[in-house]
Amino acid sequence: MEALLVSRLPEGHEWRYEPKWDGFRCLAYKRKTSVTLHSKSGKPLDRYFPDIVRVLAKLKADNFVLDGELLIKGEEGYSFTDLQMRLHPAASRVSMLAKKQPATFVLFDILEAETDSAVMSAPFATRRLRLESFYARYCAKEPALQLSPQTASIAEAMAWLKSTGWYIDGIVAKHTLAAYEPGERVMQKYKPIRTADCVVGGFRYGSGSEEVGSLLLGLYDKNGRLNHVGFTSGIAKADKPSLTKTLEALVHEPGFDGKAPGGPSRWSTERSTTWTPLSPQIVVEVSFDHVTDDRFRHGTKLLRFRPDKAPRQCTMEQIRSIGRSA
């Protein structure tokens, strides 16, 4: 079941609110001794999370389907970067990571429980009670399994966005009378939109083009180094020719003297690792919805150029307080 992005949370006694965890959405199936994990797209996740498979296999319940989020704790909260490291082709590497940083499976819905296979059609309020009962009976003593918090208070839900040690990128609203509808956007999700002034430390040409396709964004740390924090690509077509000329006149290495755009990996393409460094002179304001490990979790929206802003004024403090408190 999916969630529709909204600009504000729905209100009313019939709504319940939960954290929107920033991990891998996962459906966990158990049929007697067999446990399988599937991503939102249906791809198997079992081999990447053997620690969670083992925990679920030990549960005394023989038959269930649970909906939740796979998370891994980093140094300052749940880390999506550390979570991605599990997607490694070598089983030995995955096993080592599972021992070093065990995963957590946060549960927020139940689709089947023991002999009752009709749970999906029940109202969400009923499913939540079934989930709480299931968790208390079978899961409460397993640290790797956690029950996602829930509240009827919008104020409490919004406070979660600033809770120290959490790593969420929004709030999910669920109607108490809604059945579980696979593939449908029955839930609603809210993500706070924030802005930051960033230095353009490099750029990439558009695919098959001689014009700029995206700008690489940087922020200065306390040591005065420019660190790559993300990108923005919403450049108006009419502006690309003149902007490309401006950027090409500023080409200068290294572009980023702190953390630079990453090299090749199993998730990158040849194009995504090719970029042109710039002298750090251009400042842009962008909007973003989430920060993970001192980087924008998703692409940003270009709002405007800031010729009035000095590059050295663009510091990591704009996003570090957000990334560490969420």
Protein backbone atom coordinates (compact mmCIF):
# COMPACT_ATOMS: atom_id res chain seq x y z
CA MET A 1 0.00 0.00 0.00
CA GLU A 2 1.33 3.41 -0.99
CA ALA A 3 1.05 6.96 0.38
CA LEU A 4 -0.01 10.17 -1.37
CA LEU A 5 2.26 13.18 -0.78
CA VAL A 6 0.29 16.09 0.71
CA SER A 7 1.22 19.65 1.73
CA ARG A 8 -0.48 19.31 5.12
CA LEU A 9 -1.67 16.44 7.27
CA PRO A 10 -5.40 15.60 7.38
CA GLU A 11 -7.10 16.32 10.69
CA GLY A 12 -9.92 14.59 12.53
CA HIS A 13 -10.61 11.89 15.09
CA GLU A 14 -10.61 9.25 12.34
CA TRP A 15 -6.90 9.75 11.51
CA ARG A 16 -3.81 8.25 13.12
CA TYR A 17 -0.23 9.41 12.58
CA GLU A 18 3.04 7.47 12.40
CA PRO A 19 6.68 8.31 11.59
CA LYS A 20 7.70 7.98 7.96
CA TRP A 21 10.90 5.98 8.40
CA ASP A 22 13.73 6.54 5.92
CA GLY A 23 14.74 2.96 5.18
CA PHE A 24 13.79 0.04 2.92
CA ARG A 25 10.07 -0.75 2.88
CA CYS A 26 9.70 -4.48 3.42
CA LEU A 27 7.03 -7.18 3.47
CA ALA A 28 8.06 -10.15 5.61
CA TYR A 29 6.43 -13.54 4.98
CA LYS A 30 6.68 -16.60 7.19
CA ARG A 31 5.29 -20.00 6.25
CA LYS A 32 6.24 -22.44 9.04
CA THR A 33 10.06 -22.51 8.85
CA SER A 34 10.41 -20.46 5.64
CA VAL A 35 10.97 -16.69 5.86
CA THR A 36 11.17 -14.36 2.87
CA LEU A 37 11.61 -10.60 2.65
CA HIS A 38 10.39 -8.52 -0.29
CA SER A 39 10.95 -4.88 -1.20
CA LYS A 40 8.17 -2.52 -2.23
CA SER A 41 8.90 -3.39 -5.87
CA GLY A 42 8.70 -7.13 -5.10
CA LYS A 43 12.44 -7.82 -5.23
CA PRO A 44 13.79 -10.34 -2.67
CA LEU A 45 15.75 -8.88 0.24
CA ASP A 46 16.43 -12.09 2.21
CA ARG A 47 20.09 -12.45 1.24
CA TYR A 48 20.90 -8.87 2.27
CA PHE A 49 19.31 -9.13 5.72
CA PRO A 50 20.11 -12.61 7.08
CA ASP A 51 19.99 -11.22 10.62
CA ILE A 52 16.32 -10.24 10.25
CA VAL A 53 15.51 -13.55 8.55
CA ARG A 54 16.99 -15.42 11.53
CA VAL A 55 15.02 -13.36 14.06
CA LEU A 56 11.72 -13.88 12.24
CA ALA A 57 12.41 -17.60 11.80
CA LYS A 58 12.78 -17.96 15.58
CA LEU A 59 9.36 -16.46 16.34
CA LYS A 60 6.87 -18.99 17.62
CA ALA A 61 4.24 -17.75 15.17
CA ASP A 62 4.20 -20.08 12.15
CA ASN A 63 2.28 -17.98 9.66
CA PHE A 64 2.25 -14.21 9.15
CA VAL A 65 2.78 -11.32 6.74
CA LEU A 66 4.18 -8.12 8.27
CA ASP A 67 4.65 -4.70 6.68
CA GLY A 68 7.45 -2.49 7.95
CA GLU A 69 10.74 -0.72 7.36
CA LEU A 70 14.29 -2.07 7.45
CA LEU A 71 16.71 0.30 9.20
CA ILE A 72 20.34 0.32 10.32
CA LYS A 73 21.76 2.51 13.05
CA GLY A 74 24.76 4.65 12.21
CA GLU A 75 26.75 6.94 14.47
CA GLU A 76 24.04 9.58 14.84
CA GLY A 77 20.79 7.74 14.19
CA TYR A 78 19.40 5.52 11.47
CA SER A 79 21.63 5.79 8.39
CA PHE A 80 20.41 5.24 4.84
CA THR A 81 24.03 5.15 3.66
CA ASP A 82 24.82 2.24 5.98
CA LEU A 83 21.60 0.55 4.88
CA GLN A 84 22.65 0.74 1.23
CA MET A 85 25.91 -1.00 2.08
CA ARG A 86 23.94 -4.19 2.69
CA LEU A 87 23.12 -4.43 -1.03
CA HIS A 88 26.40 -6.14 -1.77
CA PRO A 89 26.87 -9.11 -4.13
CA ALA A 90 29.26 -10.95 -1.77
CA ALA A 91 27.52 -13.02 0.92
CA SER A 92 30.63 -12.82 3.12
CA ARG A 93 30.48 -9.02 3.05
CA VAL A 94 26.77 -9.01 3.92
CA SER A 95 27.40 -11.45 6.78
CA MET A 96 30.18 -9.27 8.17
CA LEU A 97 27.99 -6.15 8.02
CA ALA A 98 25.08 -7.99 9.66
CA LYS A 99 27.31 -8.82 12.63
CA LYS A 100 28.88 -5.36 12.80
CA GLN A 101 25.66 -3.35 12.36
CA PRO A 102 22.55 -5.50 12.90
CA ALA A 103 19.41 -4.28 11.17
CA THR A 104 16.16 -3.25 12.80
CA PHE A 105 12.73 -4.13 11.39
CA VAL A 106 10.15 -1.52 12.43
CA LEU A 107 6.61 -2.95 12.12
CA PHE A 108 3.64 -0.79 11.19
CA ASP A 109 1.03 -3.12 9.67
CA ILE A 110 -0.03 -6.76 9.54
CA LEU A 111 -1.61 -8.50 6.54
CA GLU A 112 -1.90 -12.07 7.82
CA ALA A 113 -1.71 -13.51 11.32
CA GLU A 114 -1.60 -17.22 12.06
CA THR A 115 -4.78 -18.83 10.68
CA ASP A 116 -6.47 -15.50 9.88
CA SER A 117 -5.72 -14.60 6.26
CA ALA A 118 -8.42 -11.92 5.98
CA VAL A 119 -6.62 -9.25 8.00
CA MET A 120 -6.00 -7.04 4.94
CA SER A 121 -9.70 -6.34 4.47
CA ALA A 122 -10.15 -5.23 8.08
CA PRO A 123 -10.15 -1.49 8.96
CA PHE A 124 -6.77 -0.07 9.87
CA ALA A 125 -7.81 0.45 13.50
CA THR A 126 -8.51 -3.28 13.76
CA ARG A 127 -5.25 -4.19 12.02
CA ARG A 128 -3.32 -1.98 14.40
CA LEU A 129 -4.84 -3.78 17.39
CA ARG A 130 -3.96 -7.12 15.78
CA LEU A 131 -0.41 -5.91 15.18
CA GLU A 132 0.00 -4.71 18.77
CA SER A 133 -1.31 -8.04 20.06
CA PHE A 134 0.96 -9.99 17.69
CA TYR A 135 3.96 -7.87 18.68
CA ALA A 136 3.35 -8.25 22.41
CA ARG A 137 2.92 -12.02 22.08
CA TYR A 138 5.77 -12.87 19.73
CA CYS A 139 8.15 -9.94 19.12
CA ALA A 140 8.54 -7.79 22.23
CA LYS A 141 11.64 -9.62 23.48
CA GLU A 142 13.50 -9.28 20.17
CA PRO A 143 15.52 -6.01 20.04
CA ALA A 144 15.70 -6.22 16.24
CA LEU A 145 11.90 -5.97 16.00
CA GLN A 146 10.28 -2.68 16.95
CA LEU A 147 6.68 -1.49 16.89
CA SER A 148 6.33 1.84 15.09
CA PRO A 149 4.82 4.54 17.35
CA GLN A 150 1.37 5.90 16.61
CA THR A 151 -0.62 8.89 17.85
CA ALA A 152 -3.94 10.65 17.31
CA SER A 153 -2.26 14.03 17.96
CA ILE A 154 -0.84 16.07 15.07
CA ALA A 155 1.21 18.11 17.54
CA GLU A 156 2.89 14.99 18.89
CA ALA A 157 3.50 13.67 15.37
CA MET A 158 5.13 16.92 14.25
CA ALA A 159 7.33 16.87 17.35
CA TRP A 160 8.74 13.54 16.14
CA LEU A 161 10.41 15.40 13.27
CA LYS A 162 12.68 17.05 15.84
CA SER A 163 13.18 14.09 18.15
CA THR A 164 16.85 13.43 18.88
CA GLY A 165 18.09 10.06 17.68
CA TRP A 166 15.26 9.44 15.22
CA TYR A 167 15.82 9.44 11.49
CA ILE A 168 12.51 10.05 9.76
CA ASP A 169 11.73 12.14 6.71
CA GLY A 170 8.07 12.85 7.37
CA ILE A 171 4.79 11.77 8.91
CA VAL A 172 2.29 9.22 7.56
CA ALA A 173 -1.45 9.62 8.16
CA LYS A 174 -3.73 6.55 8.09
CA HIS A 175 -7.53 6.52 8.16
CA THR A 176 -8.84 4.26 10.90
CA LEU A 177 -11.52 2.75 8.60
CA ALA A 178 -9.28 2.07 5.58
CA ALA A 179 -8.60 -1.48 4.43
CA TYR A 180 -5.14 -2.49 3.21
CA GLU A 181 -5.14 -1.96 -0.58
CA PRO A 182 -1.91 -3.10 -2.28
CA GLY A 183 -0.60 -0.61 -4.83
CA GLU A 184 -3.14 2.08 -3.93
CA ARG A 185 -2.25 5.43 -2.35
CA VAL A 186 -4.59 5.05 0.60
CA MET A 187 -2.26 6.61 3.16
CA GLN A 188 -1.10 10.22 3.14
CA LYS A 189 2.46 11.40 3.78
CA TYR A 190 3.74 14.82 4.76
CA LYS A 191 7.35 15.94 4.32
CA PRO A 192 8.56 19.31 5.62
CA ILE A 193 10.20 21.37 2.86
CA ARG A 194 13.25 23.40 3.85
CA THR A 195 15.70 25.65 2.01
CA ALA A 196 19.48 26.10 2.00
CA ASP A 197 21.98 28.36 0.23
CA CYS A 198 24.63 26.25 -1.49
CA VAL A 199 27.82 26.81 -3.46
CA VAL A 200 27.98 25.39 -6.99
CA GLY A 201 31.22 23.38 -6.89
CA GLY A 202 30.73 21.58 -10.18
CA PHE A 203 28.26 20.60 -12.87
CA ARG A 204 27.32 17.81 -15.22
CA TYR A 205 26.38 18.15 -18.87
CA GLY A 206 22.98 16.85 -19.88
CA SER A 207 22.85 13.38 -21.42
CA GLY A 208 23.95 13.66 -25.06
CA SER A 209 24.10 17.45 -24.72
CA GLU A 210 26.70 20.22 -24.65
CA GLU A 211 24.58 22.21 -22.21
CA VAL A 212 24.44 21.99 -18.45
CA GLY A 213 22.15 19.29 -17.06
CA SER A 214 22.67 19.60 -13.31
CA LEU A 215 24.54 21.64 -10.72
CA LEU A 216 26.60 19.97 -7.98
CA LEU A 217 26.03 21.59 -4.61
CA GLY A 218 28.49 22.17 -1.79
CA LEU A 219 28.62 23.56 1.75
CA TYR A 220 31.64 24.63 3.83
CA ASP A 221 32.50 22.77 7.03
CA LYS A 222 34.07 24.30 10.15
CA ASN A 223 37.55 23.68 8.68
CA GLY A 224 36.77 25.73 5.60
CA ARG A 225 36.50 22.80 3.20
CA LEU A 226 33.79 22.64 0.56
CA ASN A 227 31.88 19.34 0.78
CA HIS A 228 29.61 17.95 -1.88
CA VAL A 229 26.07 17.63 -0.46
CA GLY A 230 23.87 16.90 -3.47
CA PHE A 231 22.65 18.24 -6.79
CA THR A 232 19.88 20.17 -8.48
CA SER A 233 18.68 19.78 -12.05
CA GLY A 234 15.60 21.99 -12.40
CA ILE A 235 17.20 24.45 -14.82
CA ALA A 236 14.89 26.20 -17.29
CA LYS A 237 15.64 25.26 -20.90
CA ALA A 238 15.86 28.91 -21.97
CA ASP A 239 18.53 29.57 -19.31
CA LYS A 240 20.81 26.67 -20.18
CA PRO A 241 22.85 28.22 -23.03
CA SER A 242 23.92 31.33 -21.08
CA LEU A 243 24.38 29.39 -17.83
CA THR A 244 26.59 26.84 -19.60
CA LYS A 245 28.86 29.66 -20.86
CA THR A 246 29.04 31.14 -17.36
CA LEU A 247 29.95 27.77 -15.84
CA GLU A 248 32.55 26.90 -18.48
CA ALA A 249 34.31 30.21 -17.77
CA LEU A 250 34.64 29.15 -14.12
CA VAL A 251 36.06 25.65 -14.67
CA HIS A 252 38.79 25.10 -12.09
CA GLU A 253 40.00 22.15 -10.03
CA PRO A 254 39.32 20.74 -7.51
CA GLY A 255 35.78 22.16 -7.21
CA PHE A 256 35.29 20.40 -3.87
CA ASP A 257 38.30 20.29 -1.53
CA GLY A 258 36.39 18.30 1.11
CA LYS A 259 34.06 15.44 0.26
CA ALA A 260 33.78 15.24 -3.53
CA PRO A 261 31.18 13.50 -5.72
CA GLY A 262 31.72 9.75 -5.39
CA GLY A 263 33.53 7.50 -7.83
CA PRO A 264 32.09 4.46 -9.61
CA SER A 265 30.01 2.01 -7.57
CA ARG A 266 27.49 -0.73 -8.25
CA TRP A 267 24.71 1.89 -8.01
CA SER A 268 26.28 4.51 -10.31
CA THR A 269 26.56 4.86 -14.06
CA GLU A 270 29.42 6.24 -16.13
CA ARG A 271 27.50 9.48 -16.59
CA SER A 272 26.78 9.92 -12.87
CA THR A 273 30.50 9.81 -12.02
CA THR A 274 31.56 12.32 -14.69
CA TRP A 275 31.50 15.94 -13.60
CA THR A 276 33.29 19.24 -14.21
CA PRO A 277 34.82 21.12 -11.23
CA LEU A 278 34.27 24.85 -10.78
CA SER A 279 35.79 27.72 -8.90
CA PRO A 280 33.39 28.19 -5.95
CA GLN A 281 31.83 31.53 -6.89
CA ILE A 282 28.15 30.85 -7.63
CA VAL A 283 25.55 30.53 -4.86
CA VAL A 284 22.06 29.12 -5.35
CA GLU A 285 19.10 28.64 -3.03
CA VAL A 286 17.46 25.21 -3.19
CA SER A 287 14.59 23.51 -1.40
CA PHE A 288 14.91 19.99 -0.01
CA ASP A 289 12.90 17.53 2.05
CA HIS A 290 15.43 15.38 3.92
CA VAL A 291 19.07 15.10 4.94
CA THR A 292 20.98 11.86 5.48
CA ASP A 293 24.62 11.72 6.60
CA ASP A 294 25.21 15.40 5.79
CA ARG A 295 23.77 15.07 2.28
CA PHE A 296 20.46 15.79 0.64
CA ARG A 297 18.66 12.46 0.56
CA HIS A 298 16.90 13.28 -2.74
CA GLY A 299 17.40 15.77 -5.55
CA THR A 300 16.65 19.40 -4.69
CA LYS A 301 14.58 22.11 -6.38
CA LEU A 302 16.42 25.14 -7.72
CA LEU A 303 14.71 28.26 -6.36
CA ARG A 304 17.01 31.11 -7.39
CA PHE A 305 20.58 32.30 -7.82
CA ARG A 306 21.99 34.32 -4.93
CA PRO A 307 24.58 36.87 -6.22
CA ASP A 308 24.04 38.73 -2.94
CA LYS A 309 25.34 35.78 -0.90
CA ALA A 310 29.06 35.16 -0.28
CA PRO A 311 30.04 31.51 -0.90
CA ARG A 312 31.78 31.29 2.48
CA GLN A 313 28.47 32.06 4.16
CA CYS A 314 27.10 28.74 2.89
CA THR A 315 27.96 26.39 5.74
CA MET A 316 27.07 22.85 6.76
CA GLU A 317 25.25 24.18 9.81
CA GLN A 318 22.25 24.89 7.57
CA ILE A 319 21.57 21.17 7.26
CA ARG A 320 23.49 19.45 10.07
CA SER A 321 21.06 20.48 12.78
CA ILE A 322 18.26 19.03 10.64
CA GLY A 323 19.98 15.77 9.73
CA ARG A 324 20.99 15.01 13.32
CA SER A 325 17.70 15.76 14.99
CA ALA A 326 15.40 13.91 12.61
